[in-house]
Amino acid sequence: TKVGKTKVEGTKTWNDGNATDRPTMIKVDLLQNGNVIQTHDVLAVMGWKYIFADLAAYDAEGKAYEYTVKEQPVPGYES
């Protein structure tokens, strides 16, 4: 059985001409093989950075999990 940990991290980027009315927080979902397993708040004061740490790298059969991040809708914006 394969064992191991991984992490997924990133930074929210905006394409809005540095608008002053953007929100101070957004939510991002972490998906494991297409299913939401965690949600994090991503804050402006933290530089829009997020990290999902200590994630299982493999399932019980030794297959690698596929992790993706999806931003929850933000009013007035498209992701």
N, C-alpha and C. Protein backbone atom coordinates (compact mmCIF):
# COMPACT_ATOMS: atom_id res chain seq x y z
N THR A 1 0.84 -1.18 0.00
CA THR A 1 0.00 0.00 0.00
C THR A 1 0.88 1.25 0.00
N LYS A 2 0.57 2.14 -0.92
CA LYS A 2 1.31 3.40 -0.96
C LYS A 2 0.76 4.33 0.12
N VAL A 3 1.67 5.03 0.76
CA VAL A 3 1.28 6.04 1.74
C VAL A 3 2.03 7.31 1.42
N GLY A 4 1.49 8.39 1.86
CA GLY A 4 2.15 9.67 1.63
C GLY A 4 1.17 10.79 1.80
N LYS A 5 1.72 11.95 1.97
CA LYS A 5 0.92 13.15 2.15
C LYS A 5 1.28 14.15 1.05
N THR A 6 0.35 15.02 0.78
CA THR A 6 0.58 16.07 -0.19
C THR A 6 -0.12 17.33 0.29
N LYS A 7 0.04 18.41 -0.45
CA LYS A 7 -0.65 19.65 -0.13
C LYS A 7 -1.02 20.34 -1.43
N VAL A 8 -2.00 21.20 -1.33
CA VAL A 8 -2.43 22.02 -2.46
C VAL A 8 -2.43 23.45 -1.97
N GLU A 9 -1.72 24.31 -2.68
CA GLU A 9 -1.67 25.71 -2.26
C GLU A 9 -1.75 26.61 -3.48
N GLY A 10 -2.16 27.84 -3.24
CA GLY A 10 -2.27 28.78 -4.35
C GLY A 10 -2.56 30.17 -3.85
N THR A 11 -2.73 31.07 -4.80
CA THR A 11 -3.04 32.47 -4.52
C THR A 11 -4.14 32.91 -5.46
N LYS A 12 -5.16 33.52 -4.91
CA LYS A 12 -6.24 34.08 -5.72
C LYS A 12 -5.70 35.27 -6.48
N THR A 13 -5.97 35.30 -7.78
CA THR A 13 -5.62 36.47 -8.59
C THR A 13 -6.90 37.10 -9.11
N TRP A 14 -6.87 38.39 -9.21
CA TRP A 14 -8.04 39.15 -9.67
C TRP A 14 -7.72 39.80 -11.01
N ASN A 15 -8.72 39.86 -11.87
CA ASN A 15 -8.59 40.54 -13.16
C ASN A 15 -9.69 41.61 -13.21
N ASP A 16 -9.53 42.63 -12.37
CA ASP A 16 -10.57 43.65 -12.24
C ASP A 16 -10.01 45.07 -12.18
N GLY A 17 -8.80 45.25 -12.69
CA GLY A 17 -8.20 46.58 -12.66
C GLY A 17 -7.96 47.10 -11.26
N ASN A 18 -7.72 46.17 -10.32
CA ASN A 18 -7.47 46.52 -8.92
C ASN A 18 -8.65 47.28 -8.31
N ALA A 19 -9.85 46.79 -8.58
CA ALA A 19 -11.08 47.44 -8.11
C ALA A 19 -11.06 47.58 -6.59
N THR A 20 -11.62 48.68 -6.12
CA THR A 20 -11.65 48.93 -4.68
C THR A 20 -12.86 48.31 -4.00
N ASP A 21 -13.82 47.81 -4.79
CA ASP A 21 -15.03 47.25 -4.19
C ASP A 21 -15.04 45.72 -4.18
N ARG A 22 -13.89 45.11 -4.41
CA ARG A 22 -13.85 43.64 -4.36
C ARG A 22 -14.04 43.18 -2.92
N PRO A 23 -14.52 41.95 -2.74
CA PRO A 23 -14.74 41.46 -1.37
C PRO A 23 -13.42 41.31 -0.61
N THR A 24 -13.52 41.23 0.71
CA THR A 24 -12.34 41.03 1.54
C THR A 24 -12.08 39.55 1.81
N MET A 25 -13.06 38.70 1.41
CA MET A 25 -12.92 37.27 1.62
C MET A 25 -13.68 36.52 0.53
N ILE A 26 -13.10 35.40 0.10
CA ILE A 26 -13.80 34.47 -0.78
C ILE A 26 -13.66 33.08 -0.17
N LYS A 27 -14.41 32.14 -0.70
CA LYS A 27 -14.31 30.74 -0.26
C LYS A 27 -13.86 29.89 -1.44
N VAL A 28 -12.95 28.96 -1.16
CA VAL A 28 -12.52 27.99 -2.17
C VAL A 28 -12.76 26.59 -1.62
N ASP A 29 -13.19 25.72 -2.51
CA ASP A 29 -13.43 24.32 -2.17
C ASP A 29 -12.29 23.47 -2.68
N LEU A 30 -11.89 22.50 -1.89
CA LEU A 30 -10.92 21.50 -2.31
C LEU A 30 -11.69 20.25 -2.70
N LEU A 31 -11.46 19.78 -3.92
CA LEU A 31 -12.11 18.58 -4.40
C LEU A 31 -11.09 17.45 -4.50
N GLN A 32 -11.48 16.29 -4.03
CA GLN A 32 -10.67 15.08 -4.13
C GLN A 32 -11.42 14.15 -5.07
N ASN A 33 -10.82 13.89 -6.24
CA ASN A 33 -11.48 13.06 -7.26
C ASN A 33 -12.88 13.58 -7.57
N GLY A 34 -13.03 14.92 -7.61
CA GLY A 34 -14.29 15.53 -8.01
C GLY A 34 -15.28 15.80 -6.90
N ASN A 35 -14.98 15.40 -5.66
CA ASN A 35 -15.89 15.61 -4.54
C ASN A 35 -15.31 16.60 -3.54
N VAL A 36 -16.13 17.58 -3.12
CA VAL A 36 -15.67 18.58 -2.15
C VAL A 36 -15.38 17.89 -0.82
N ILE A 37 -14.16 18.11 -0.32
CA ILE A 37 -13.78 17.52 0.97
C ILE A 37 -13.42 18.58 2.02
N GLN A 38 -13.09 19.80 1.57
CA GLN A 38 -12.77 20.89 2.50
C GLN A 38 -13.13 22.21 1.84
N THR A 39 -13.38 23.22 2.67
CA THR A 39 -13.60 24.58 2.20
C THR A 39 -12.77 25.51 3.08
N HIS A 40 -12.10 26.47 2.44
CA HIS A 40 -11.30 27.46 3.19
C HIS A 40 -11.75 28.86 2.83
N ASP A 41 -11.68 29.75 3.83
CA ASP A 41 -11.83 31.17 3.59
C ASP A 41 -10.49 31.70 3.11
N VAL A 42 -10.51 32.50 2.06
CA VAL A 42 -9.30 33.12 1.53
C VAL A 42 -9.46 34.62 1.73
N LEU A 43 -8.53 35.21 2.48
CA LEU A 43 -8.68 36.59 2.94
C LEU A 43 -7.71 37.55 2.25
N ALA A 44 -8.21 38.75 1.99
CA ALA A 44 -7.36 39.80 1.43
C ALA A 44 -6.19 40.10 2.34
N VAL A 45 -6.45 40.16 3.66
CA VAL A 45 -5.39 40.51 4.61
C VAL A 45 -4.28 39.46 4.66
N MET A 46 -4.54 38.27 4.15
CA MET A 46 -3.53 37.21 4.10
C MET A 46 -2.92 37.11 2.70
N GLY A 47 -3.13 38.14 1.88
CA GLY A 47 -2.54 38.15 0.55
C GLY A 47 -3.23 37.19 -0.42
N TRP A 48 -4.46 36.81 -0.11
CA TRP A 48 -5.25 35.92 -0.97
C TRP A 48 -4.62 34.54 -1.13
N LYS A 49 -3.79 34.13 -0.18
CA LYS A 49 -3.13 32.82 -0.25
C LYS A 49 -3.95 31.76 0.48
N TYR A 50 -3.89 30.55 -0.03
CA TYR A 50 -4.56 29.43 0.65
C TYR A 50 -3.68 28.19 0.58
N ILE A 51 -3.88 27.31 1.55
CA ILE A 51 -3.16 26.03 1.56
C ILE A 51 -4.06 24.97 2.20
N PHE A 52 -4.13 23.86 1.54
CA PHE A 52 -4.77 22.66 2.07
C PHE A 52 -3.63 21.68 2.31
N ALA A 53 -3.32 21.40 3.57
CA ALA A 53 -2.15 20.60 3.91
C ALA A 53 -2.54 19.25 4.49
N ASP A 54 -1.53 18.38 4.59
CA ASP A 54 -1.68 17.07 5.22
C ASP A 54 -2.77 16.23 4.55
N LEU A 55 -2.77 16.25 3.22
CA LEU A 55 -3.76 15.50 2.45
C LEU A 55 -3.22 14.13 2.08
N ALA A 56 -4.08 13.14 2.11
CA ALA A 56 -3.67 11.80 1.67
C ALA A 56 -3.33 11.84 0.19
N ALA A 57 -2.19 11.29 -0.17
CA ALA A 57 -1.77 11.28 -1.57
C ALA A 57 -2.38 10.11 -2.34
N TYR A 58 -2.69 9.01 -1.64
CA TYR A 58 -3.17 7.79 -2.30
C TYR A 58 -4.37 7.23 -1.57
N ASP A 59 -5.22 6.52 -2.32
CA ASP A 59 -6.34 5.83 -1.70
C ASP A 59 -5.88 4.47 -1.18
N ALA A 60 -6.80 3.69 -0.64
CA ALA A 60 -6.46 2.39 -0.03
C ALA A 60 -5.90 1.40 -1.03
N GLU A 61 -6.17 1.62 -2.32
CA GLU A 61 -5.66 0.72 -3.37
C GLU A 61 -4.35 1.22 -3.97
N GLY A 62 -3.82 2.32 -3.45
CA GLY A 62 -2.56 2.84 -3.95
C GLY A 62 -2.68 3.75 -5.15
N LYS A 63 -3.91 4.14 -5.49
CA LYS A 63 -4.12 5.06 -6.62
C LYS A 63 -4.00 6.50 -6.11
N ALA A 64 -3.31 7.32 -6.89
CA ALA A 64 -3.13 8.72 -6.50
C ALA A 64 -4.46 9.46 -6.58
N TYR A 65 -4.74 10.25 -5.54
CA TYR A 65 -5.91 11.11 -5.57
C TYR A 65 -5.65 12.28 -6.51
N GLU A 66 -6.70 12.77 -7.15
CA GLU A 66 -6.61 13.99 -7.95
C GLU A 66 -7.27 15.11 -7.17
N TYR A 67 -6.49 16.14 -6.86
CA TYR A 67 -7.01 17.28 -6.11
C TYR A 67 -7.16 18.48 -7.04
N THR A 68 -8.28 19.18 -6.90
CA THR A 68 -8.51 20.42 -7.63
C THR A 68 -9.13 21.43 -6.67
N VAL A 69 -8.98 22.70 -7.00
CA VAL A 69 -9.54 23.78 -6.19
C VAL A 69 -10.54 24.52 -7.05
N LYS A 70 -11.70 24.80 -6.47
CA LYS A 70 -12.74 25.54 -7.18
C LYS A 70 -13.21 26.68 -6.30
N GLU A 71 -13.23 27.85 -6.89
CA GLU A 71 -13.68 29.04 -6.17
C GLU A 71 -15.20 29.07 -6.12
N GLN A 72 -15.75 29.37 -4.95
CA GLN A 72 -17.19 29.56 -4.86
C GLN A 72 -17.55 30.89 -5.51
N PRO A 73 -18.76 31.01 -6.06
CA PRO A 73 -19.14 32.24 -6.77
C PRO A 73 -18.98 33.49 -5.91
N VAL A 74 -18.48 34.54 -6.55
CA VAL A 74 -18.33 35.85 -5.92
C VAL A 74 -19.24 36.81 -6.68
N PRO A 75 -20.20 37.44 -6.01
CA PRO A 75 -21.11 38.35 -6.71
C PRO A 75 -20.36 39.41 -7.51
N GLY A 76 -20.75 39.56 -8.78
CA GLY A 76 -20.13 40.56 -9.64
C GLY A 76 -18.87 40.10 -10.35
N TYR A 77 -18.46 38.84 -10.11
CA TYR A 77 -17.23 38.31 -10.71
C TYR A 77 -17.50 36.94 -11.32
N GLU A 78 -16.65 36.57 -12.28
CA GLU A 78 -16.65 35.22 -12.84
C GLU A 78 -15.32 34.58 -12.53
N SER A 79 -15.33 33.27 -12.27
CA SER A 79 -14.05 32.59 -12.00
C SER A 79 -13.73 31.61 -13.10
